Structure formats: C-alpha cells, structure tokens
PDB file of N, CA and C in Angstrom:
ATOM      1  N   MET A   1     150.626 160.807 216.455  1.00  0.00           N
ATOM      2  CA  MET A   1     149.688 160.845 215.330  1.00  0.00           C
ATOM      3  C   MET A   1     149.187 162.272 215.110  1.00  0.00           C
ATOM      4  N   LEU A   2     148.692 162.881 216.188  1.00  0.00           N
ATOM      5  CA  LEU A   2     148.182 164.247 216.095  1.00  0.00           C
ATOM      6  C   LEU A   2     149.315 165.211 215.746  1.00  0.00           C
ATOM      7  N   LEU A   3     150.503 164.939 216.284  1.00  0.00           N
ATOM      8  CA  LEU A   3     151.643 165.822 216.047  1.00  0.00           C
ATOM      9  C   LEU A   3     152.008 165.870 214.568  1.00  0.00           C
ATOM     10  N   THR A   4     152.020 164.703 213.905  1.00  0.00           N
ATOM     11  CA  THR A   4     152.379 164.678 212.481  1.00  0.00           C
ATOM     12  C   THR A   4     151.330 165.421 211.644  1.00  0.00           C
ATOM     13  N   GLN A   5     150.060 165.286 212.021  1.00  0.00           N
ATOM     14  CA  GLN A   5     148.996 166.001 211.301  1.00  0.00           C
ATOM     15  C   GLN A   5     149.166 167.510 211.464  1.00  0.00           C
ATOM     16  N   THR A   6     149.513 167.937 212.676  1.00  0.00           N
ATOM     17  CA  THR A   6     149.700 169.358 212.937  1.00  0.00           C
ATOM     18  C   THR A   6     150.882 169.888 212.145  1.00  0.00           C
ATOM     19  N   LEU A   7     151.961 169.111 212.102  1.00  0.00           N
ATOM     20  CA  LEU A   7     153.139 169.536 211.353  1.00  0.00           C
ATOM     21  C   LEU A   7     152.832 169.667 209.867  1.00  0.00           C
ATOM     22  N   LYS A   8     152.056 168.739 209.346  1.00  0.00           N
ATOM     23  CA  LYS A   8     151.679 168.809 207.927  1.00  0.00           C
ATOM     24  C   LYS A   8     150.868 170.069 207.647  1.00  0.00           C
ATOM     25  N   LEU A   9     149.940 170.376 208.548  1.00  0.00           N
ATOM     26  CA  LEU A   9     149.104 171.557 208.378  1.00  0.00           C
ATOM     27  C   LEU A   9     149.951 172.830 208.410  1.00  0.00           C
ATOM     28  N   VAL A  10     150.870 172.901 209.364  1.00  0.00           N
ATOM     29  CA  VAL A  10     151.753 174.061 209.479  1.00  0.00           C
ATOM     30  C   VAL A  10     152.597 174.207 208.220  1.00  0.00           C
ATOM     31  N   GLN A  11     153.090 173.092 207.696  1.00  0.00           N
ATOM     32  CA  GLN A  11     153.907 173.124 206.485  1.00  0.00           C
ATOM     33  C   GLN A  11     153.095 173.644 205.294  1.00  0.00           C
ATOM     34  N   GLN A  12     151.844 173.187 205.179  1.00  0.00           N
ATOM     35  CA  GLN A  12     150.990 173.641 204.082  1.00  0.00           C
ATOM     36  C   GLN A  12     150.690 175.128 204.200  1.00  0.00           C
ATOM     37  N   LEU A  13     150.415 175.586 205.418  1.00  0.00           N
ATOM     38  CA  LEU A  13     150.137 177.004 205.634  1.00  0.00           C
ATOM     39  C   LEU A  13     151.357 177.841 205.294  1.00  0.00           C
ATOM     40  N   PHE A  14     152.538 177.353 205.674  1.00  0.00           N
ATOM     41  CA  PHE A  14     153.764 178.087 205.398  1.00  0.00           C
ATOM     42  C   PHE A  14     154.007 178.192 203.895  1.00  0.00           C
ATOM     43  N   LEU A  15     153.809 177.086 203.180  1.00  0.00           N
ATOM     44  CA  LEU A  15     153.986 177.098 201.730  1.00  0.00           C
ATOM     45  C   LEU A  15     152.989 178.043 201.071  1.00  0.00           C
ATOM     46  N   ALA A  16     151.745 178.035 201.542  1.00  0.00           N
ATOM     47  CA  ALA A  16     150.727 178.925 200.991  1.00  0.00           C
ATOM     48  C   ALA A  16     151.119 180.381 201.228  1.00  0.00           C
ATOM     49  N   TRP A  17     151.686 180.658 202.413  1.00  0.00           N
ATOM     50  CA  TRP A  17     152.088 182.013 202.756  1.00  0.00           C
ATOM     51  C   TRP A  17     153.241 182.484 201.871  1.00  0.00           C
ATOM     52  N   VAL A  18     154.223 181.603 201.656  1.00  0.00           N
ATOM     53  CA  VAL A  18     155.371 181.949 200.807  1.00  0.00           C
ATOM     54  C   VAL A  18     154.905 182.200 199.374  1.00  0.00           C
ATOM     55  N   LEU A  19     154.045 181.317 198.861  1.00  0.00           N
ATOM     56  CA  LEU A  19     153.520 181.488 197.512  1.00  0.00           C
ATOM     57  C   LEU A  19     152.766 182.811 197.409  1.00  0.00           C
ATOM     58  N   HIS A  20     152.012 183.115 198.452  1.00  0.00           N
ATOM     59  CA  HIS A  20     151.254 184.348 198.505  1.00  0.00           C
ATOM     60  C   HIS A  20     152.165 185.570 198.419  1.00  0.00           C
ATOM     61  N   LEU A  21     153.279 185.544 199.165  1.00  0.00           N
ATOM     62  CA  LEU A  21     154.205 186.670 199.134  1.00  0.00           C
ATOM     63  C   LEU A  21     154.835 186.816 197.759  1.00  0.00           C
ATOM     64  N   LEU A  22     155.145 185.694 197.108  1.00  0.00           N
ATOM     65  CA  LEU A  22     155.707 185.752 195.756  1.00  0.00           C
ATOM     66  C   LEU A  22     154.715 186.385 194.787  1.00  0.00           C
ATOM     67  N   VAL A  23     153.445 185.979 194.889  1.00  0.00           N
ATOM     68  CA  VAL A  23     152.414 186.546 194.021  1.00  0.00           C
ATOM     69  C   VAL A  23     152.287 188.046 194.291  1.00  0.00           C
ATOM     70  N   ALA A  24     152.308 188.421 195.554  1.00  0.00           N
ATOM     71  CA  ALA A  24     152.188 189.835 195.920  1.00  0.00           C
ATOM     72  C   ALA A  24     153.348 190.635 195.336  1.00  0.00           C
ATOM     73  N   ARG A  25     154.534 190.068 195.383  1.00  0.00           N
ATOM     74  CA  ARG A  25     155.706 190.780 194.876  1.00  0.00           C
ATOM     75  C   ARG A  25     155.651 190.907 193.355  1.00  0.00           C
ATOM     76  N   MET A  26     155.248 189.835 192.686  1.00  0.00           N
ATOM     77  CA  MET A  26     155.199 189.853 191.224  1.00  0.00           C
ATOM     78  C   MET A  26     154.122 190.806 190.709  1.00  0.00           C
ATOM     79  N   THR A  27     152.994 190.820 191.394  1.00  0.00           N
ATOM     80  CA  THR A  27     151.873 191.625 190.914  1.00  0.00           C
ATOM     81  C   THR A  27     151.892 193.022 191.520  1.00  0.00           C
ATOM     82  N   LYS A  28     152.790 193.240 192.481  1.00  0.00           N
ATOM     83  CA  LYS A  28     152.854 194.511 193.204  1.00  0.00           C
ATOM     84  C   LYS A  28     151.483 194.878 193.776  1.00  0.00           C
ATOM     85  N   CYS A  29     150.810 193.861 194.263  1.00  0.00           N
ATOM     86  CA  CYS A  29     149.480 194.049 194.841  1.00  0.00           C
ATOM     87  C   CYS A  29     149.655 194.438 196.306  1.00  0.00           C
ATOM     88  N   TRP A  30     149.459 195.727 196.629  1.00  0.00           N
ATOM     89  CA  TRP A  30     149.724 196.175 197.995  1.00  0.00           C
ATOM     90  C   TRP A  30     148.769 195.561 199.006  1.00  0.00           C
ATOM     91  N   VAL A  31     147.567 195.205 198.546  1.00  0.00           N
ATOM     92  CA  VAL A  31     146.600 194.599 199.459  1.00  0.00           C
ATOM     93  C   VAL A  31     147.164 193.289 200.009  1.00  0.00           C
ATOM     94  N   CYS A  32     147.907 192.583 199.138  1.00  0.00           N
ATOM     95  CA  CYS A  32     148.432 191.276 199.517  1.00  0.00           C
ATOM     96  C   CYS A  32     149.420 191.373 200.678  1.00  0.00           C
ATOM     97  N   TYR A  33     150.104 192.505 200.791  1.00  0.00           N
ATOM     98  CA  TYR A  33     151.105 192.614 201.845  1.00  0.00           C
ATOM     99  C   TYR A  33     150.466 192.759 203.220  1.00  0.00           C
ATOM    100  N   TYR A  34     149.265 193.344 203.252  1.00  0.00           N
ATOM    101  CA  TYR A  34     148.655 193.631 204.540  1.00  0.00           C
ATOM    102  C   TYR A  34     147.624 192.598 204.954  1.00  0.00           C
ATOM    103  N   GLN A  35     146.930 192.031 203.974  1.00  0.00           N
ATOM    104  CA  GLN A  35     146.007 190.949 204.264  1.00  0.00           C
ATOM    105  C   GLN A  35     146.670 189.673 203.765  1.00  0.00           C
ATOM    106  N   LEU A  36     146.415 188.579 204.451  1.00  0.00           N
ATOM    107  CA  LEU A  36     147.008 187.328 203.999  1.00  0.00           C
ATOM    108  C   LEU A  36     145.932 186.321 203.632  1.00  0.00           C
ATOM    109  N   PRO A  37     145.284 186.530 202.488  1.00  0.00           N
ATOM    110  CA  PRO A  37     144.314 185.536 202.038  1.00  0.00           C
ATOM    111  C   PRO A  37     145.043 184.359 201.401  1.00  0.00           C
ATOM    112  N   HIS A  38     144.298 183.371 201.014  1.00  0.00           N
ATOM    113  CA  HIS A  38     144.907 182.261 200.299  1.00  0.00           C
ATOM    114  C   HIS A  38     145.363 182.778 198.941  1.00  0.00           C
ATOM    115  N   PRO A  39     146.516 182.334 198.439  1.00  0.00           N
ATOM    116  CA  PRO A  39     147.021 182.819 197.147  1.00  0.00           C
ATOM    117  C   PRO A  39     146.006 182.706 196.018  1.00  0.00           C
ATOM    118  N   LEU A  40     145.165 181.686 196.068  1.00  0.00           N
ATOM    119  CA  LEU A  40     144.201 181.497 194.990  1.00  0.00           C
ATOM    120  C   LEU A  40     143.190 182.629 194.934  1.00  0.00           C
ATOM    121  N   THR A  41     142.795 183.145 196.101  1.00  0.00           N
ATOM    122  CA  THR A  41     141.832 184.240 196.091  1.00  0.00           C
ATOM    123  C   THR A  41     142.482 185.463 195.462  1.00  0.00           C
ATOM    124  N   CYS A  42     143.765 185.634 195.698  1.00  0.00           N
ATOM    125  CA  CYS A  42     144.501 186.747 195.126  1.00  0.00           C
ATOM    126  C   CYS A  42     144.528 186.621 193.599  1.00  0.00           C
ATOM    127  N   LEU A  43     144.786 185.429 193.107  1.00  0.00           N
ATOM    128  CA  LEU A  43     144.827 185.218 191.663  1.00  0.00           C
ATOM    129  C   LEU A  43     143.445 185.423 191.051  1.00  0.00           C
ATOM    130  N   LEU A  44     142.412 185.012 191.769  1.00  0.00           N
ATOM    131  CA  LEU A  44     141.054 185.206 191.269  1.00  0.00           C
ATOM    132  C   LEU A  44     140.739 186.699 191.163  1.00  0.00           C
ATOM    133  N   LYS A  45     141.167 187.460 192.164  1.00  0.00           N
ATOM    134  CA  LYS A  45     140.947 188.899 192.138  1.00  0.00           C
ATOM    135  C   LYS A  45     141.656 189.508 190.938  1.00  0.00           C
ATOM    136  N   LEU A  46     142.873 189.049 190.696  1.00  0.00           N
ATOM    137  CA  LEU A  46     143.641 189.571 189.568  1.00  0.00           C
ATOM    138  C   LEU A  46     142.919 189.294 188.254  1.00  0.00           C
ATOM    139  N   GLN A  47     142.364 188.112 188.124  1.00  0.00           N
ATOM    140  CA  GLN A  47     141.660 187.762 186.892  1.00  0.00           C
ATOM    141  C   GLN A  47     140.448 188.665 186.702  1.00  0.00           C
ATOM    142  N   LEU A  48     139.839 189.072 187.811  1.00  0.00           N
ATOM    143  CA  LEU A  48     138.683 189.961 187.707  1.00  0.00           C
ATOM    144  C   LEU A  48     139.125 191.363 187.286  1.00  0.00           C
ATOM    145  N   TRP A  49     140.309 191.777 187.750  1.00  0.00           N
ATOM    146  CA  TRP A  49     140.805 193.114 187.420  1.00  0.00           C
ATOM    147  C   TRP A  49     141.273 193.199 185.972  1.00  0.00           C
ATOM    148  N   LEU A  50     141.896 192.124 185.500  1.00  0.00           N
ATOM    149  CA  LEU A  50     142.418 192.156 184.136  1.00  0.00           C
ATOM    150  C   LEU A  50     141.284 192.006 183.130  1.00  0.00           C
ATOM    151  N   PRO A  51     141.349 192.714 182.013  1.00  0.00           N
ATOM    152  CA  PRO A  51     140.303 192.623 180.997  1.00  0.00           C
ATOM    153  C   PRO A  51     140.284 191.256 180.312  1.00  0.00           C
TER     154      PRO A  51
END
C-alpha cells in the first residue's frame, strides 16, 4: 500500500521535473536550470515579467 503511494509520488515529481525542464528550454530561463521550483511558479514568474 505504502509502496504504491510512494511510486505515484515519485512519478508525479518526475513529470513535474520534465515539464519544468521543457519550460526552461522554451523560455531560455537560466534560473530554471539551476533551481528546480514547481513549473507553475516558473510560469507565474514569467507572467510577472511579461507586460
């Protein structure tokens, strides 16, 4: 039971990380390469930067 929950969590984290790298590559956001925040925080930052 605990094992399946852990696997699900790891899978979600991995997907979030991959999505994050894609966003970093598309936006050429160098901060994204060195810090690994949740992709949504990255998108929020971008919205703040864009007029």
